[in-house]
């Protein structure tokens, strides 16, 4: 068992948080002057502060003037692939790096992540220990294990055995992944702006979907093109983990997705936005800079790196892809498609934790309200996997909580005003209280 997992105590631990404004993750409007009673990391009672019980021997914290919401869930990440901006699965994918990144997500108030198809077997040991112990000090993880990639096509990561050549091989791979304990199954259908000869054939995607469904698992699709999204919807895929980006789509596909129960769980607008820059616009923002090492900042600012990005033949294509993603997200939300929040963080220069807050900001810019974005990132994301443990603030659930100094419903950027993060009822260090790769006094001001 990892030393980073916390053992339970011999005696019940009771904590009372009181006098906060509650944003509960269900989509209900915020409610003022509320209180929570937590026992051994779970919510025992929630309601008006005036009616709160007063348990004996409880630790009480007055959160007057604060805003309390469920911890953020990022529905699309990749763990253990990088060190700084250097990406190398074979070199960096190990339990220690996975857990280091899960701590970083937690510091940013992201208390659960869904890791999407680039995991080796180490993830299953991490998750097994997390679920056995419950009261942990890092973000909870759910995995799609090894996602299915058509041999020679786009997808996956070098060094991970996940490519298949036939529908039969695809079906067999899904069966193996289910046996390992994957929470859901992922496939890729893309050709990276037509730079790769062939996308996954539909016979293969149907084999993946049908085999997963027979095993009781949902399927998630990486898509780029409208025609692939339309066909996968007909085949019965459960969720898309990216927006359509080759064109703007009218409401017809959204209506079909809604009728078929196909979700848009991951918005990944921050992913598309990040590709439009040679230098990310937030490199000097303390909220970002405290989460990376100084060498990472230097690498991002290096003129040679910026020149390389700007001279890529794909670089001029990214702004249109981002614009299409924003428009298509707005269309889906307007037409009743169930949507969550996901970033595609984890590969090089897509930064754990920070991107979740940027994603929420972009979702609001695309046209949803702050409350809708917050609900997508909490209750809706949890609902996709059917977990009854997290995602909303209700009796019996783990107390995975984010306490904010300012109202995120008034301004979505206030999710960055982090006062405290709780996982299973215990405080963990926030990004304002810790620093990556340097001494705390060298981090810059802890301003919010």
Protein backbone atom coordinates (compact mmCIF):
# COMPACT_ATOMS: atom_id res chain seq x y z
CA UNK A 1 0.00 0.00 0.00
CA UNK A 2 1.26 3.48 -0.82
CA UNK A 3 2.49 5.60 2.04
CA UNK A 4 0.38 8.38 0.55
CA UNK A 5 -2.85 6.65 1.53
CA UNK A 6 -4.19 7.42 4.97
CA UNK A 7 -5.14 4.78 7.49
CA UNK A 8 -8.44 5.06 9.32
CA UNK A 9 -8.57 6.12 12.97
CA UNK A 10 -9.63 3.92 15.85
CA UNK A 11 -12.26 6.41 16.99
CA UNK A 12 -14.95 8.23 15.03
CA UNK A 13 -13.87 11.66 13.85
CA UNK A 14 -16.63 14.26 13.79
CA UNK A 15 -16.25 17.62 12.06
CA UNK A 16 -18.84 20.39 11.79
CA UNK A 17 -18.53 23.02 9.06
CA UNK A 18 -21.00 25.84 9.57
CA UNK A 19 -22.45 29.10 8.24
CA UNK A 20 -21.41 28.74 4.57
CA UNK A 21 -23.31 29.23 1.31
CA UNK A 22 -23.95 25.79 -0.17
CA UNK A 23 -23.61 24.89 -3.87
CA UNK A 24 -24.56 21.21 -3.66
CA UNK A 25 -23.75 19.91 -7.17
CA UNK A 26 -27.32 19.00 -8.09
CA UNK A 27 -28.01 22.18 -10.04
CA UNK A 28 -30.09 23.74 -7.29
CA UNK A 29 -29.50 27.41 -6.59
CA UNK A 30 -27.03 28.24 -3.80
CA UNK A 31 -28.43 28.30 -0.27
CA UNK A 32 -27.04 30.59 2.41
CA UNK A 33 -26.18 29.86 6.07
CA UNK A 34 -25.87 26.09 5.84
CA UNK A 35 -23.94 23.55 7.92
CA UNK A 36 -22.48 20.07 7.46
CA UNK A 37 -21.76 17.34 9.97
CA UNK A 38 -19.04 14.93 8.86
CA UNK A 39 -18.35 11.62 10.61
CA UNK A 40 -15.29 9.62 9.56
CA UNK A 41 -15.12 11.50 6.30
CA UNK A 42 -18.74 11.05 5.23
CA UNK A 43 -21.59 13.53 5.29
CA UNK A 44 -23.87 12.68 8.20
CA UNK A 45 -26.10 15.77 8.04
CA UNK A 46 -26.51 18.87 5.86
CA UNK A 47 -29.00 21.69 6.24
CA UNK A 48 -29.72 25.13 7.74
CA UNK A 49 -27.15 26.20 10.33
CA UNK A 50 -29.91 27.08 12.78
CA UNK A 51 -31.05 23.43 12.81
CA UNK A 52 -27.64 21.78 12.87
CA UNK A 53 -27.04 19.14 15.53
CA UNK A 54 -24.20 19.71 17.99
CA UNK A 55 -22.32 16.41 18.26
CA UNK A 56 -20.14 15.89 21.32
CA UNK A 57 -16.38 16.11 20.82
CA UNK A 58 -16.79 17.58 17.32
CA UNK A 59 -14.23 19.85 15.70
CA UNK A 60 -16.10 22.95 14.48
CA UNK A 61 -15.05 25.38 11.79
CA UNK A 62 -16.91 28.61 11.07
CA UNK A 63 -17.05 29.21 7.30
CA UNK A 64 -19.04 32.42 7.47
CA UNK A 65 -18.63 34.31 4.19
CA UNK A 66 -17.33 31.20 2.38
CA UNK A 67 -18.84 29.11 -0.43
CA UNK A 68 -18.82 25.32 -0.17
CA UNK A 69 -19.27 22.99 -3.17
CA UNK A 70 -18.38 19.42 -4.07
CA UNK A 71 -14.82 18.84 -5.18
CA UNK A 72 -14.37 19.23 -8.93
CA UNK A 73 -14.39 16.07 -11.06
CA UNK A 74 -12.32 16.18 -14.26
CA UNK A 75 -13.82 13.60 -16.62
CA UNK A 76 -10.86 13.46 -19.03
CA UNK A 77 -7.25 13.26 -17.88
CA UNK A 78 -4.15 11.20 -18.57
CA UNK A 79 -1.92 10.23 -15.65
CA UNK A 80 1.78 9.53 -15.39
CA UNK A 81 2.87 10.53 -18.89
CA UNK A 82 5.07 13.56 -18.29
CA UNK A 83 7.76 15.23 -16.27
CA UNK A 84 7.54 18.98 -16.88
CA UNK A 85 6.78 19.23 -20.59
CA UNK A 86 8.69 16.06 -21.48
CA UNK A 87 6.27 13.25 -22.37
CA UNK A 88 7.49 9.66 -22.26
CA UNK A 89 5.20 6.83 -21.16
CA UNK A 90 7.98 4.27 -20.80
CA UNK A 91 10.08 6.62 -18.67
CA UNK A 92 7.49 8.27 -16.45
CA UNK A 93 4.53 5.94 -16.08
CA UNK A 94 4.79 4.50 -12.58
CA UNK A 95 2.86 4.55 -9.35
CA UNK A 96 4.90 7.32 -7.78
CA UNK A 97 4.28 9.70 -10.69
CA UNK A 98 0.59 8.79 -10.86
CA UNK A 99 0.16 9.57 -7.17
CA UNK A 100 2.21 12.77 -7.41
CA UNK A 101 -0.19 14.02 -10.08
CA UNK A 102 -3.24 12.95 -8.08
CA UNK A 103 -1.93 15.08 -5.21
CA UNK A 104 -1.53 18.01 -7.59
CA UNK A 105 -5.11 17.65 -8.83
CA UNK A 106 -6.30 17.66 -5.21
CA UNK A 107 -4.32 20.83 -4.46
CA UNK A 108 -6.34 22.54 -7.21
CA UNK A 109 -9.66 21.33 -5.77
CA UNK A 110 -10.04 18.50 -8.31
CA UNK A 111 -10.94 15.62 -6.02
CA UNK A 112 -11.73 12.95 -8.66
CA UNK A 113 -10.42 12.27 -12.18
CA UNK A 114 -11.39 9.91 -15.00
CA UNK A 115 -8.22 8.76 -16.74
CA UNK A 116 -8.85 8.08 -20.39
CA UNK A 117 -7.24 5.13 -22.07
CA UNK A 118 -3.48 5.58 -21.60
CA UNK A 119 -3.03 3.57 -18.41
CA UNK A 120 -0.80 0.62 -17.77
CA UNK A 121 -1.60 -1.86 -15.05
CA UNK A 122 -0.18 0.32 -12.24
CA UNK A 123 -3.42 2.30 -12.20
CA UNK A 124 -5.38 -0.71 -11.01
CA UNK A 125 -3.20 -1.07 -7.91
CA UNK A 126 -3.65 2.62 -7.09
CA UNK A 127 -7.41 2.45 -7.53
CA UNK A 128 -7.77 -0.80 -5.59
CA UNK A 129 -5.99 0.74 -2.60
CA UNK A 130 -8.01 3.95 -2.87
CA UNK A 131 -11.32 2.10 -2.82
CA UNK A 132 -10.28 -0.25 -0.06
CA UNK A 133 -9.16 2.55 2.25
CA UNK A 134 -11.62 5.30 1.26
CA UNK A 135 -10.09 8.08 3.36
CA UNK A 136 -7.26 9.16 1.11
CA UNK A 137 -5.26 12.35 0.62
CA UNK A 138 -5.23 12.60 -3.18
CA UNK A 139 -7.76 12.79 -6.00
CA UNK A 140 -9.82 9.64 -6.55
CA UNK A 141 -9.15 7.91 -9.86
CA UNK A 142 -11.39 6.03 -12.29
CA UNK A 143 -9.91 4.48 -15.41
CA UNK A 144 -10.58 3.34 -18.95
CA UNK A 145 -7.33 1.34 -18.77
CA UNK A 146 -5.86 0.74 -22.20
CA UNK A 147 -8.09 2.44 -24.75
CA UNK A 148 -8.61 0.70 -28.09
CA UNK A 149 -6.61 2.07 -31.05
CA UNK A 150 -6.87 0.88 -34.65
CA UNK A 151 -3.38 -0.29 -35.66
CA UNK A 152 -1.49 2.48 -37.46
CA UNK A 153 -4.15 5.08 -36.75
CA UNK A 154 -4.31 8.01 -34.32
CA UNK A 155 -4.58 7.43 -30.58
CA UNK A 156 -2.99 6.07 -27.44
CA UNK A 157 0.63 6.59 -26.44
CA UNK A 158 3.87 5.04 -27.71
CA UNK A 159 5.08 2.22 -25.47
CA UNK A 160 1.64 1.01 -24.37
CA UNK A 161 0.28 -2.14 -26.00
CA UNK A 162 -3.17 -1.01 -27.16
CA UNK A 163 -3.33 -1.32 -30.96
CA UNK A 164 -5.59 -3.86 -32.69
CA UNK A 165 -6.06 -4.74 -36.36
CA UNK A 166 -9.45 -6.50 -36.53
CA UNK A 167 -12.87 -6.38 -34.87
CA UNK A 168 -12.12 -9.75 -33.24
CA UNK A 169 -8.90 -8.38 -31.73
CA UNK A 170 -10.77 -5.30 -30.54
CA UNK A 171 -13.42 -7.41 -28.86
CA UNK A 172 -10.79 -9.57 -27.17
CA UNK A 173 -8.99 -6.47 -25.92
CA UNK A 174 -12.17 -5.10 -24.38
CA UNK A 175 -12.76 -8.42 -22.63
CA UNK A 176 -9.23 -8.28 -21.17
CA UNK A 177 -9.71 -4.70 -20.01
CA UNK A 178 -13.01 -5.49 -18.34
CA UNK A 179 -11.34 -8.35 -16.48
CA UNK A 180 -8.68 -5.94 -15.19
CA UNK A 181 -11.37 -3.75 -13.65
CA UNK A 182 -11.72 -0.83 -16.06
CA UNK A 183 -14.55 1.49 -15.06
CA UNK A 184 -15.43 2.10 -18.72
CA UNK A 185 -13.94 1.49 -22.18
CA UNK A 186 -12.45 4.03 -24.61
CA UNK A 187 -11.82 4.01 -28.35
CA UNK A 188 -10.14 6.51 -30.68
CA UNK A 189 -11.52 7.52 -34.09
CA UNK A 190 -9.37 10.29 -35.60
CA UNK A 191 -6.71 10.90 -38.25
CA UNK A 192 -5.11 14.12 -36.91
CA UNK A 193 -6.26 16.53 -39.63
CA UNK A 194 -5.99 13.80 -42.30
CA UNK A 195 -2.26 13.30 -41.68
CA UNK A 196 -2.86 9.59 -40.94
CA UNK A 197 -4.16 7.26 -43.62
CA UNK A 198 -7.17 5.70 -41.92
CA UNK A 199 -9.47 6.12 -38.96
CA UNK A 200 -10.84 3.21 -36.97
CA UNK A 201 -13.33 1.27 -39.17
CA UNK A 202 -16.93 1.21 -38.01
CA UNK A 203 -16.93 -2.60 -37.79
CA UNK A 204 -14.25 -2.27 -35.14
CA UNK A 205 -15.96 0.49 -33.18
CA UNK A 206 -19.17 -1.53 -33.16
CA UNK A 207 -17.25 -4.55 -31.82
CA UNK A 208 -15.83 -2.41 -29.01
CA UNK A 209 -19.22 -0.94 -28.10
CA UNK A 210 -21.12 -4.23 -28.26
CA UNK A 211 -18.52 -6.17 -26.26
CA UNK A 212 -18.33 -3.51 -23.58
CA UNK A 213 -22.10 -3.30 -23.28
CA UNK A 214 -22.41 -7.08 -22.93
CA UNK A 215 -19.99 -6.80 -20.01
CA UNK A 216 -21.99 -3.97 -18.44
CA UNK A 217 -19.46 -1.24 -19.24
CA UNK A 218 -20.07 2.13 -20.88
CA UNK A 219 -18.06 3.22 -23.90
CA UNK A 220 -16.32 6.56 -24.47
CA UNK A 221 -15.22 7.85 -27.86
CA UNK A 222 -12.44 10.19 -28.93
CA UNK A 223 -13.80 11.87 -32.05
CA UNK A 224 -12.97 14.89 -34.19
CA UNK A 225 -15.28 14.62 -37.21
CA UNK A 226 -19.02 15.15 -37.45
CA UNK A 227 -19.62 12.04 -39.55
CA UNK A 228 -17.85 9.81 -37.01
CA UNK A 229 -19.86 11.29 -34.14
CA UNK A 230 -23.11 10.68 -36.02
CA UNK A 231 -22.25 7.05 -36.82
CA UNK A 232 -20.98 6.25 -33.33
CA UNK A 233 -24.21 7.67 -31.92
CA UNK A 234 -26.12 5.26 -34.15
CA UNK A 235 -23.89 2.40 -32.98
CA UNK A 236 -24.80 3.13 -29.38
CA UNK A 237 -21.71 4.76 -27.92
CA UNK A 238 -22.43 6.17 -24.46
CA UNK A 239 -20.32 9.31 -24.38
CA UNK A 240 -17.99 11.53 -26.38
CA UNK A 241 -14.81 12.77 -24.75
CA UNK A 242 -14.18 15.63 -27.21
CA UNK A 243 -16.27 18.02 -29.21
CA UNK A 244 -16.80 17.78 -32.96
CA UNK A 245 -14.13 20.08 -34.36
CA UNK A 246 -14.13 19.77 -38.16
CA UNK A 247 -17.27 21.90 -38.59
CA UNK A 248 -20.09 23.54 -36.75
CA UNK A 249 -23.01 21.20 -36.31
CA UNK A 250 -26.69 22.08 -36.40
CA UNK A 251 -29.10 20.90 -33.73
CA UNK A 252 -30.04 17.65 -35.49
CA UNK A 253 -27.18 15.57 -34.08
CA UNK A 254 -27.73 17.04 -30.62
CA UNK A 255 -31.36 15.95 -30.77
CA UNK A 256 -30.32 12.46 -31.84
CA UNK A 257 -27.76 12.28 -29.04
CA UNK A 258 -30.38 13.32 -26.52
CA UNK A 259 -32.87 10.78 -27.83
CA UNK A 260 -30.28 7.98 -27.77
CA UNK A 261 -28.92 8.97 -24.36
CA UNK A 262 -25.47 9.81 -25.73
CA UNK A 263 -23.58 12.16 -23.40
CA UNK A 264 -20.96 14.82 -24.06
CA UNK A 265 -19.07 14.18 -20.84
CA UNK A 266 -15.83 15.97 -21.65
CA UNK A 267 -15.93 19.45 -23.14
CA UNK A 268 -12.08 19.71 -23.58
CA UNK A 269 -12.32 23.34 -24.68
CA UNK A 270 -9.11 24.16 -22.82
CA UNK A 271 -7.29 21.49 -24.84
CA UNK A 272 -8.32 23.15 -28.10
CA UNK A 273 -7.58 26.63 -26.77
CA UNK A 274 -4.09 25.62 -25.63
CA UNK A 275 -3.12 24.60 -29.17
CA UNK A 276 -3.80 28.12 -30.47
CA UNK A 277 -0.85 29.58 -28.51
CA UNK A 278 2.88 29.31 -28.99
CA UNK A 279 3.20 30.62 -25.42
CA UNK A 280 0.36 29.84 -23.03
CA UNK A 281 -1.12 33.11 -21.78
CA UNK A 282 -1.05 32.22 -18.09
CA UNK A 283 2.59 31.21 -17.53
CA UNK A 284 3.13 34.05 -15.05
CA UNK A 285 -0.21 33.62 -13.25
CA UNK A 286 0.62 32.57 -9.65
CA UNK A 287 -2.34 30.14 -9.65
CA UNK A 288 -0.62 28.31 -12.51
CA UNK A 289 3.02 28.91 -11.62
CA UNK A 290 2.71 27.45 -8.11
CA UNK A 291 1.74 24.12 -9.68
CA UNK A 292 4.81 23.62 -11.87
CA UNK A 293 8.57 23.63 -11.43
CA UNK A 294 10.64 26.65 -12.53
CA UNK A 295 12.22 24.49 -15.23
CA UNK A 296 8.76 23.95 -16.72
CA UNK A 297 8.13 27.71 -16.91
CA UNK A 298 11.52 28.15 -18.57
CA UNK A 299 10.77 25.38 -21.07
CA UNK A 300 7.44 26.98 -22.00
CA UNK A 301 9.09 30.37 -22.52
CA UNK A 302 11.99 29.03 -24.58
CA UNK A 303 12.04 30.79 -28.00
CA UNK A 304 13.01 27.54 -29.75
CA UNK A 305 9.90 25.82 -28.42
CA UNK A 306 7.65 28.67 -29.47
CA UNK A 307 9.20 28.74 -32.93
CA UNK A 308 8.72 25.00 -33.33
CA UNK A 309 5.04 25.19 -32.34
CA UNK A 310 4.36 28.16 -34.61
CA UNK A 311 6.04 26.60 -37.63
CA UNK A 312 4.08 23.35 -37.46
CA UNK A 313 1.86 22.86 -40.55
CA UNK A 314 -0.99 22.03 -38.16
CA UNK A 315 -0.73 25.27 -36.15
CA UNK A 316 -2.95 27.37 -38.51
CA UNK A 317 -5.69 24.73 -38.22
CA UNK A 318 -6.12 24.98 -34.45
CA UNK A 319 -8.08 28.26 -34.17
CA UNK A 320 -10.90 26.93 -36.37
CA UNK A 321 -11.00 23.68 -34.38
CA UNK A 322 -11.29 25.67 -31.15
CA UNK A 323 -14.02 27.91 -32.58
CA UNK A 324 -15.98 24.87 -33.79
CA UNK A 325 -15.64 23.18 -30.39
CA UNK A 326 -17.00 26.24 -28.59
CA UNK A 327 -19.95 26.57 -30.97
CA UNK A 328 -20.79 22.86 -30.86
CA UNK A 329 -20.66 22.73 -27.08
CA UNK A 330 -23.13 25.63 -26.96
CA UNK A 331 -25.45 23.86 -29.43
CA UNK A 332 -25.41 20.65 -27.42
CA UNK A 333 -26.09 22.42 -24.14
CA UNK A 334 -28.94 24.40 -25.72
CA UNK A 335 -30.53 21.25 -27.11
CA UNK A 336 -30.52 19.19 -23.97
CA UNK A 337 -27.50 16.89 -24.42
CA UNK A 338 -26.18 15.76 -21.04
CA UNK A 339 -22.76 17.36 -20.65
CA UNK A 340 -19.97 17.18 -18.12
CA UNK A 341 -16.61 18.88 -17.75
CA UNK A 342 -13.29 17.41 -18.86
CA UNK A 343 -9.98 18.88 -19.93
CA UNK A 344 -7.74 16.21 -21.52
CA UNK A 345 -5.05 17.28 -19.06
CA UNK A 346 -1.90 15.23 -18.59
CA UNK A 347 -0.08 15.14 -21.93
CA UNK A 348 2.68 17.65 -22.51
CA UNK A 349 1.71 21.28 -21.75
CA UNK A 350 -1.83 20.40 -20.65
CA UNK A 351 -1.51 20.96 -16.95
CA UNK A 352 -3.25 18.98 -14.19
CA UNK A 353 -5.58 21.01 -12.01
CA UNK A 354 -5.12 24.42 -13.59
CA UNK A 355 -6.84 23.34 -16.81
CA UNK A 356 -10.00 22.39 -14.92
CA UNK A 357 -10.46 26.00 -13.82
CA UNK A 358 -9.68 27.28 -17.31
CA UNK A 359 -12.17 24.76 -18.73
CA UNK A 360 -14.95 26.06 -16.48
CA UNK A 361 -14.20 29.60 -17.63
CA UNK A 362 -14.36 28.57 -21.31
CA UNK A 363 -17.62 26.67 -20.80
CA UNK A 364 -19.19 29.87 -19.47
CA UNK A 365 -17.74 31.87 -22.36
CA UNK A 366 -19.35 29.32 -24.71
CA UNK A 367 -22.77 30.08 -23.29
CA UNK A 368 -23.69 28.11 -20.16
CA UNK A 369 -24.15 29.75 -16.77
CA UNK A 370 -21.59 29.39 -14.00
CA UNK A 371 -24.01 27.21 -12.02
CA UNK A 372 -24.51 24.94 -15.03
CA UNK A 373 -20.74 24.61 -15.50
CA UNK A 374 -20.25 23.81 -11.81
CA UNK A 375 -23.01 21.21 -11.92
CA UNK A 376 -21.41 19.60 -14.99
CA UNK A 377 -18.09 19.36 -13.14
CA UNK A 378 -19.59 17.77 -10.04
CA UNK A 379 -22.97 16.03 -9.99
CA UNK A 380 -23.20 15.33 -13.73
CA UNK A 381 -19.70 13.89 -14.02
CA UNK A 382 -20.35 11.60 -11.06
CA UNK A 383 -23.69 10.50 -12.48
CA UNK A 384 -22.08 9.17 -15.67
CA UNK A 385 -20.28 6.40 -13.80
CA UNK A 386 -23.18 5.85 -11.45
CA UNK A 387 -21.09 6.54 -8.37
CA UNK A 388 -23.08 7.21 -5.22
CA UNK A 389 -19.95 8.19 -3.32
CA UNK A 390 -19.10 11.68 -4.60
CA UNK A 391 -20.23 14.52 -6.86
CA UNK A 392 -22.99 16.07 -4.74
CA UNK A 393 -23.24 17.16 -1.14
CA UNK A 394 -25.75 14.74 0.31
CA UNK A 395 -26.03 12.48 3.34
CA UNK A 396 -23.90 9.35 3.12
CA UNK A 397 -21.42 10.57 0.49
CA UNK A 398 -17.73 11.15 0.97
CA UNK A 399 -16.98 14.70 2.05
CA UNK A 400 -14.89 15.63 -0.99
CA UNK A 401 -15.30 19.39 -0.74
CA UNK A 402 -14.03 22.67 -2.14
CA UNK A 403 -14.29 25.80 0.04
CA UNK A 404 -14.02 29.13 -1.78
CA UNK A 405 -13.51 32.67 -0.55
CA UNK A 406 -15.64 34.16 -3.32
CA UNK A 407 -18.87 33.20 -5.09
CA UNK A 408 -18.27 31.06 -8.21
CA UNK A 409 -21.89 31.47 -9.31
CA UNK A 410 -21.36 35.22 -9.55
CA UNK A 411 -18.05 34.79 -11.43
CA UNK A 412 -16.78 31.38 -12.54
CA UNK A 413 -13.17 32.54 -12.08
CA UNK A 414 -13.84 32.51 -8.36
CA UNK A 415 -13.23 28.74 -8.34
CA UNK A 416 -9.59 29.85 -8.12
CA UNK A 417 -10.19 31.56 -4.77
CA UNK A 418 -9.53 28.30 -2.95
CA UNK A 419 -9.72 28.47 0.83
CA UNK A 420 -9.66 24.74 1.61
CA UNK A 421 -9.91 21.33 -0.02
CA UNK A 422 -11.28 18.29 1.80
CA UNK A 423 -11.01 14.70 0.64
CA UNK A 424 -13.03 12.25 2.71
CA UNK A 425 -13.44 14.92 5.35
CA UNK A 426 -9.74 15.67 5.82
CA UNK A 427 -8.06 18.86 4.67
CA UNK A 428 -5.34 18.45 2.07
CA UNK A 429 -2.84 21.16 1.06
CA UNK A 430 -4.22 23.60 -1.52
CA UNK A 431 -2.25 25.11 -4.36
CA UNK A 432 -2.02 28.31 -2.28
CA UNK A 433 -0.45 26.36 0.59
CA UNK A 434 2.06 24.30 -1.35
CA UNK A 435 4.42 24.63 -4.25
CA UNK A 436 5.82 22.21 -6.81
CA UNK A 437 9.56 21.77 -7.16
CA UNK A 438 10.75 24.63 -4.93
CA UNK A 439 10.66 26.02 -1.41
CA UNK A 440 7.39 27.67 -0.35
CA UNK A 441 9.07 31.07 0.11
CA UNK A 442 10.17 30.95 -3.53
CA UNK A 443 6.69 30.37 -4.91
CA UNK A 444 5.62 33.93 -5.28
CA UNK A 445 2.72 35.54 -3.45
CA UNK A 446 -0.14 33.37 -2.26
CA UNK A 447 -2.66 35.79 -3.69
CA UNK A 448 -6.11 34.81 -4.94
